[in-house]
N, C-alpha and C. Protein backbone atom coordinates (compact mmCIF):
# COMPACT_ATOMS: atom_id res chain seq x y z
N UNK A 1 106.37 46.68 69.64
CA UNK A 1 106.55 47.36 68.38
C UNK A 1 106.15 46.41 67.25
N UNK A 2 105.46 46.95 66.27
CA UNK A 2 105.07 46.16 65.10
C UNK A 2 106.28 45.89 64.21
N UNK A 3 106.19 44.79 63.48
CA UNK A 3 107.26 44.41 62.56
C UNK A 3 106.65 44.08 61.21
N UNK A 4 107.36 44.44 60.15
CA UNK A 4 106.90 44.16 58.79
C UNK A 4 108.02 43.55 57.97
N UNK A 5 107.64 42.62 57.11
CA UNK A 5 108.54 42.13 56.07
C UNK A 5 108.04 42.76 54.79
N UNK A 6 108.94 43.45 54.08
CA UNK A 6 108.59 44.12 52.84
C UNK A 6 109.44 43.53 51.73
N UNK A 7 108.77 42.85 50.79
CA UNK A 7 109.44 42.35 49.60
C UNK A 7 109.42 43.47 48.59
N UNK A 8 110.59 43.86 48.10
CA UNK A 8 110.67 45.04 47.23
C UNK A 8 111.71 44.83 46.14
N UNK A 9 111.79 45.82 45.28
CA UNK A 9 112.82 45.87 44.24
C UNK A 9 113.50 47.23 44.32
N UNK A 10 114.73 47.28 43.83
CA UNK A 10 115.46 48.52 43.79
C UNK A 10 114.76 49.49 42.84
N UNK A 11 114.75 50.76 43.19
CA UNK A 11 114.16 51.82 42.37
C UNK A 11 112.66 51.68 42.16
N UNK A 12 111.95 51.08 43.09
CA UNK A 12 110.49 50.94 43.01
C UNK A 12 109.86 52.06 43.84
N UNK A 13 109.17 53.01 43.20
CA UNK A 13 108.60 54.13 43.96
C UNK A 13 107.54 53.70 44.97
N UNK A 14 106.76 52.66 44.67
CA UNK A 14 105.73 52.20 45.61
C UNK A 14 106.38 51.52 46.81
N UNK A 15 107.51 50.89 46.59
CA UNK A 15 108.25 50.28 47.70
C UNK A 15 108.76 51.37 48.64
N UNK A 16 109.27 52.43 48.07
CA UNK A 16 109.77 53.56 48.87
C UNK A 16 108.63 54.15 49.70
N UNK A 17 107.47 54.36 49.07
CA UNK A 17 106.31 54.92 49.78
C UNK A 17 105.87 53.99 50.92
N UNK A 18 105.84 52.70 50.65
CA UNK A 18 105.43 51.74 51.69
C UNK A 18 106.38 51.78 52.87
N UNK A 19 107.67 51.80 52.60
CA UNK A 19 108.66 51.83 53.68
C UNK A 19 108.58 53.14 54.45
N UNK A 20 108.32 54.25 53.75
CA UNK A 20 108.16 55.54 54.44
C UNK A 20 106.95 55.51 55.37
N UNK A 21 105.83 54.97 54.89
CA UNK A 21 104.62 54.90 55.71
C UNK A 21 104.85 54.03 56.94
N UNK A 22 105.48 52.89 56.73
CA UNK A 22 105.76 52.00 57.86
C UNK A 22 106.67 52.68 58.87
N UNK A 23 107.67 53.38 58.39
CA UNK A 23 108.59 54.10 59.27
C UNK A 23 107.85 55.17 60.06
N UNK A 24 106.95 55.92 59.39
CA UNK A 24 106.15 56.94 60.07
C UNK A 24 105.29 56.34 61.18
N UNK A 25 104.85 55.10 60.97
CA UNK A 25 104.00 54.43 61.95
C UNK A 25 104.80 53.71 63.02
N UNK A 26 106.14 53.81 62.95
CA UNK A 26 106.99 53.22 63.97
C UNK A 26 107.17 51.72 63.83
N UNK A 27 106.99 51.22 62.63
CA UNK A 27 107.09 49.78 62.37
C UNK A 27 108.53 49.42 62.03
N UNK A 28 109.03 48.36 62.63
CA UNK A 28 110.36 47.83 62.31
C UNK A 28 110.25 47.08 60.99
N UNK A 29 111.14 47.39 60.04
CA UNK A 29 111.05 46.83 58.70
C UNK A 29 112.20 45.86 58.43
N UNK A 30 111.83 44.67 57.93
CA UNK A 30 112.80 43.71 57.42
C UNK A 30 112.58 43.69 55.91
N UNK A 31 113.45 44.35 55.16
CA UNK A 31 113.28 44.45 53.72
C UNK A 31 113.99 43.28 53.03
N UNK A 32 113.27 42.64 52.12
CA UNK A 32 113.84 41.56 51.32
C UNK A 32 113.75 41.99 49.86
N UNK A 33 114.91 42.18 49.25
CA UNK A 33 114.94 42.63 47.87
C UNK A 33 114.77 41.45 46.93
N UNK A 34 113.75 41.53 46.06
CA UNK A 34 113.51 40.47 45.07
C UNK A 34 114.71 40.45 44.14
N UNK A 35 115.27 39.27 43.95
CA UNK A 35 116.47 39.11 43.16
C UNK A 35 117.71 38.93 44.03
N UNK A 36 117.56 39.14 45.35
CA UNK A 36 118.68 38.94 46.27
C UNK A 36 118.72 37.46 46.66
N UNK A 37 119.80 37.03 47.29
CA UNK A 37 119.86 35.63 47.73
C UNK A 37 118.70 35.23 48.65
N UNK A 38 118.12 36.19 49.42
CA UNK A 38 117.00 35.86 50.32
C UNK A 38 115.69 35.68 49.56
N UNK A 39 115.54 36.32 48.41
CA UNK A 39 114.31 36.21 47.61
C UNK A 39 114.72 36.23 46.14
N UNK A 40 115.10 35.07 45.66
CA UNK A 40 115.68 35.00 44.33
C UNK A 40 114.70 35.37 43.22
N UNK A 41 113.43 35.05 43.38
CA UNK A 41 112.51 35.33 42.29
C UNK A 41 111.08 35.47 42.81
N UNK A 42 110.18 35.84 41.92
CA UNK A 42 108.79 36.05 42.31
C UNK A 42 108.15 34.78 42.85
N UNK A 43 108.60 33.61 42.39
CA UNK A 43 108.03 32.36 42.90
C UNK A 43 108.32 32.19 44.39
N UNK A 44 109.52 32.57 44.82
CA UNK A 44 109.86 32.49 46.23
C UNK A 44 109.02 33.46 47.05
N UNK A 45 108.80 34.67 46.52
CA UNK A 45 107.99 35.65 47.23
C UNK A 45 106.55 35.16 47.29
N UNK A 46 106.05 34.59 46.19
CA UNK A 46 104.69 34.05 46.17
C UNK A 46 104.51 32.99 47.25
N UNK A 47 105.50 32.16 47.41
CA UNK A 47 105.43 31.12 48.44
C UNK A 47 105.43 31.75 49.84
N UNK A 48 106.22 32.81 50.02
CA UNK A 48 106.32 33.45 51.33
C UNK A 48 105.01 34.15 51.72
N UNK A 49 104.34 34.77 50.75
CA UNK A 49 103.11 35.50 51.08
C UNK A 49 101.86 34.64 50.91
N UNK A 50 102.03 33.46 50.34
CA UNK A 50 100.91 32.53 50.25
C UNK A 50 99.95 32.79 49.11
N UNK A 51 100.40 33.52 48.10
CA UNK A 51 99.56 33.76 46.93
C UNK A 51 100.42 34.23 45.76
N UNK A 52 99.92 34.10 44.54
CA UNK A 52 100.70 34.58 43.39
C UNK A 52 100.88 36.09 43.45
N UNK A 53 102.03 36.55 43.05
CA UNK A 53 102.27 38.00 43.02
C UNK A 53 102.81 38.40 41.66
N UNK A 54 102.49 39.60 41.26
CA UNK A 54 103.02 40.15 40.02
C UNK A 54 103.70 41.48 40.24
N UNK A 55 103.51 42.06 41.42
CA UNK A 55 104.06 43.38 41.69
C UNK A 55 104.73 43.41 43.06
N UNK A 56 105.51 44.44 43.27
CA UNK A 56 106.08 44.75 44.57
C UNK A 56 105.67 46.17 44.90
N UNK A 57 105.62 46.54 46.15
CA UNK A 57 105.99 45.76 47.31
C UNK A 57 104.92 44.73 47.68
N UNK A 58 105.34 43.75 48.41
CA UNK A 58 104.45 42.80 49.08
C UNK A 58 104.79 42.90 50.55
N UNK A 59 103.76 43.10 51.37
CA UNK A 59 103.98 43.46 52.77
C UNK A 59 103.29 42.47 53.70
N UNK A 60 104.04 42.00 54.67
CA UNK A 60 103.51 41.17 55.76
C UNK A 60 103.72 41.97 57.03
N UNK A 61 102.63 42.30 57.72
CA UNK A 61 102.68 43.12 58.92
C UNK A 61 102.28 42.29 60.12
N UNK A 62 103.19 42.15 61.07
CA UNK A 62 102.94 41.35 62.27
C UNK A 62 102.42 39.96 61.92
N UNK A 63 103.03 39.36 60.89
CA UNK A 63 102.68 38.00 60.50
C UNK A 63 101.44 37.87 59.65
N UNK A 64 100.78 38.98 59.33
CA UNK A 64 99.56 38.96 58.52
C UNK A 64 99.84 39.58 57.16
N UNK A 65 99.50 38.86 56.11
CA UNK A 65 99.71 39.39 54.76
C UNK A 65 98.79 40.57 54.52
N UNK A 66 99.37 41.72 54.13
CA UNK A 66 98.60 42.94 53.87
C UNK A 66 98.36 43.12 52.38
N UNK A 67 99.39 42.93 51.57
CA UNK A 67 99.30 43.19 50.13
C UNK A 67 100.35 44.20 49.74
N UNK A 68 99.96 45.10 48.84
CA UNK A 68 100.88 46.12 48.36
C UNK A 68 100.68 47.45 49.07
N UNK A 69 101.22 48.52 48.45
CA UNK A 69 101.13 49.83 49.07
C UNK A 69 99.69 50.28 49.26
N UNK A 70 98.83 50.08 48.27
CA UNK A 70 97.44 50.53 48.35
C UNK A 70 96.74 49.91 49.54
N UNK A 71 96.93 48.61 49.74
CA UNK A 71 96.31 47.92 50.88
C UNK A 71 96.91 48.38 52.20
N UNK A 72 98.21 48.67 52.20
CA UNK A 72 98.86 49.17 53.41
C UNK A 72 98.29 50.54 53.78
N UNK A 73 98.16 51.42 52.80
CA UNK A 73 97.61 52.75 53.05
C UNK A 73 96.19 52.64 53.59
N UNK A 74 95.40 51.75 53.01
CA UNK A 74 94.02 51.55 53.49
C UNK A 74 94.02 51.01 54.92
N UNK A 75 94.95 50.13 55.23
CA UNK A 75 95.06 49.56 56.57
C UNK A 75 95.25 50.67 57.61
N UNK A 76 96.04 51.67 57.24
CA UNK A 76 96.32 52.78 58.15
C UNK A 76 95.39 53.97 57.95
N UNK A 77 94.44 53.85 57.02
CA UNK A 77 93.50 54.95 56.78
C UNK A 77 94.11 56.14 56.09
N UNK A 78 95.17 55.91 55.31
CA UNK A 78 95.84 56.98 54.58
C UNK A 78 95.26 57.03 53.17
N UNK A 79 95.04 58.24 52.70
CA UNK A 79 94.48 58.37 51.34
C UNK A 79 95.49 58.81 50.34
């Protein structure tokens, strides 16, 4: 089974869409809320994904950095 780490924020519609798509694809999700003790700020998330970030969600799928919702949808061929 595939696994994803999704860095997200509360009330983020793109985060919700990303998690829904991953769930539809049968992917196990480990959600890390930005601002929580596990991901205190964007700098920590940037370090985790290996690049500067300005938006959420940020998605790592099976250890490979995907990007945000748009890149995730493209990965799965969803329009």
